[in-house]
Amino acid sequence: MIGIAREQSLPEISRFLTQHNYTYPLAADPHREAYKQFAALGIPRSYVVSPDGIILFQSVGYDPKEFDSMIQMIAKELARLGVH
C-alpha cells in the first residue's frame, strides 16, 4: 500500500506521518503529476493493482460497503498468489 499526497511536499508528509503515527509509505505529488494520470476530480481514490499492472479495483470517495469490497478483493488476490 502506498498513499499519494496530492499537492503536499515531502516535509509536509513527514510531519503528517509523525503527528498521526502512520507507518505506511506516503509519496509526495506536489504538482499533481500522479493524480493527473488517474483522475480529474475526486479524492480519496483507491486502486488495487495486480503484480502485472492490471487495475483490479478502483473507487472514488469513501463508502464502507465499497471499502469492504476492496478488502475482500485484496484477500482474494493474495490467496490466489499464495500470500498469507
Protein backbone atom coordinates (compact mmCIF):
# COMPACT_ATOMS: atom_id res chain seq x y z
CA MET A 1 0.00 0.00 0.00
CA ILE A 2 1.16 3.49 -0.76
CA GLY A 3 -0.63 6.76 -0.18
CA ILE A 4 -0.11 9.65 -2.55
CA ALA A 5 -0.34 13.10 -1.00
CA ARG A 6 -1.75 15.38 -3.67
CA GLU A 7 -0.28 18.90 -3.50
CA GLN A 8 1.88 18.18 -0.43
CA SER A 9 5.66 18.33 -0.20
CA LEU A 10 7.90 15.71 1.38
CA PRO A 11 8.44 17.83 4.56
CA GLU A 12 4.65 18.22 4.95
CA ILE A 13 4.17 14.48 4.53
CA SER A 14 6.88 13.71 7.08
CA ARG A 15 5.21 15.94 9.68
CA PHE A 16 1.81 14.37 8.96
CA LEU A 17 3.14 10.81 9.31
CA THR A 18 4.85 11.70 12.58
CA GLN A 19 1.82 13.52 14.03
CA HIS A 20 -0.54 10.64 13.24
CA ASN A 21 1.90 7.79 13.85
CA TYR A 22 1.30 6.29 10.40
CA THR A 23 3.77 3.70 9.21
CA TYR A 24 2.69 3.07 5.62
CA PRO A 25 4.54 4.74 2.72
CA LEU A 26 3.26 8.11 1.59
CA ALA A 27 4.59 9.74 -1.59
CA ALA A 28 4.57 13.43 -2.40
CA ASP A 29 2.70 14.64 -5.50
CA PRO A 30 3.13 18.42 -5.11
CA HIS A 31 2.35 19.16 -8.77
CA ARG A 32 -0.42 16.56 -9.19
CA GLU A 33 1.63 14.56 -11.70
CA ALA A 34 0.44 11.16 -10.40
CA TYR A 35 -3.06 12.48 -9.79
CA LYS A 36 -3.34 13.66 -13.42
CA GLN A 37 -2.65 10.11 -14.60
CA PHE A 38 -5.75 8.74 -12.87
CA ALA A 39 -8.26 11.49 -12.21
CA ALA A 40 -9.51 14.96 -12.91
CA LEU A 41 -11.66 15.22 -9.77
CA GLY A 42 -12.39 13.34 -6.60
CA ILE A 43 -10.39 12.18 -3.62
CA PRO A 44 -9.76 9.87 -1.97
CA ARG A 45 -9.25 7.38 -4.77
CA SER A 46 -8.38 3.77 -4.10
CA TYR A 47 -6.85 1.34 -6.56
CA VAL A 48 -5.83 -2.28 -6.23
CA VAL A 49 -3.26 -3.13 -8.89
CA SER A 50 -2.14 -6.68 -9.63
CA PRO A 51 1.57 -7.57 -9.84
CA ASP A 52 1.25 -7.49 -13.64
CA GLY A 53 -0.15 -3.94 -13.60
CA ILE A 54 -3.86 -4.64 -14.09
CA ILE A 55 -6.26 -2.46 -12.08
CA LEU A 56 -8.43 -4.94 -10.18
CA PHE A 57 -10.43 -2.42 -8.16
CA GLN A 58 -10.96 1.32 -8.12
CA SER A 59 -13.17 3.67 -6.18
CA VAL A 60 -13.72 7.37 -5.63
CA GLY A 61 -14.58 8.73 -2.20
CA TYR A 62 -15.26 6.56 0.81
CA ASP A 63 -18.15 4.20 1.30
CA PRO A 64 -17.93 1.48 3.99
CA LYS A 65 -19.51 -1.19 1.74
CA GLU A 66 -17.17 -0.38 -1.11
CA PHE A 67 -14.21 -0.40 1.28
CA ASP A 68 -15.26 -3.87 2.47
CA SER A 69 -15.41 -4.98 -1.18
CA MET A 70 -11.87 -3.71 -1.67
CA ILE A 71 -10.65 -5.64 1.38
CA GLN A 72 -12.30 -8.81 0.05
CA MET A 73 -10.69 -8.23 -3.36
CA ILE A 74 -7.26 -7.87 -1.75
CA ALA A 75 -7.75 -11.03 0.35
CA LYS A 76 -8.86 -12.97 -2.74
CA GLU A 77 -5.90 -11.77 -4.79
CA LEU A 78 -3.41 -12.53 -2.01
CA ALA A 79 -4.88 -16.04 -1.67
CA ARG A 80 -4.63 -16.53 -5.43
CA LEU A 81 -0.98 -15.51 -5.25
CA GLY A 82 -0.34 -17.81 -2.31
CA VAL A 83 0.44 -14.97 0.09
CA HIS A 84 -0.75 -15.45 3.66
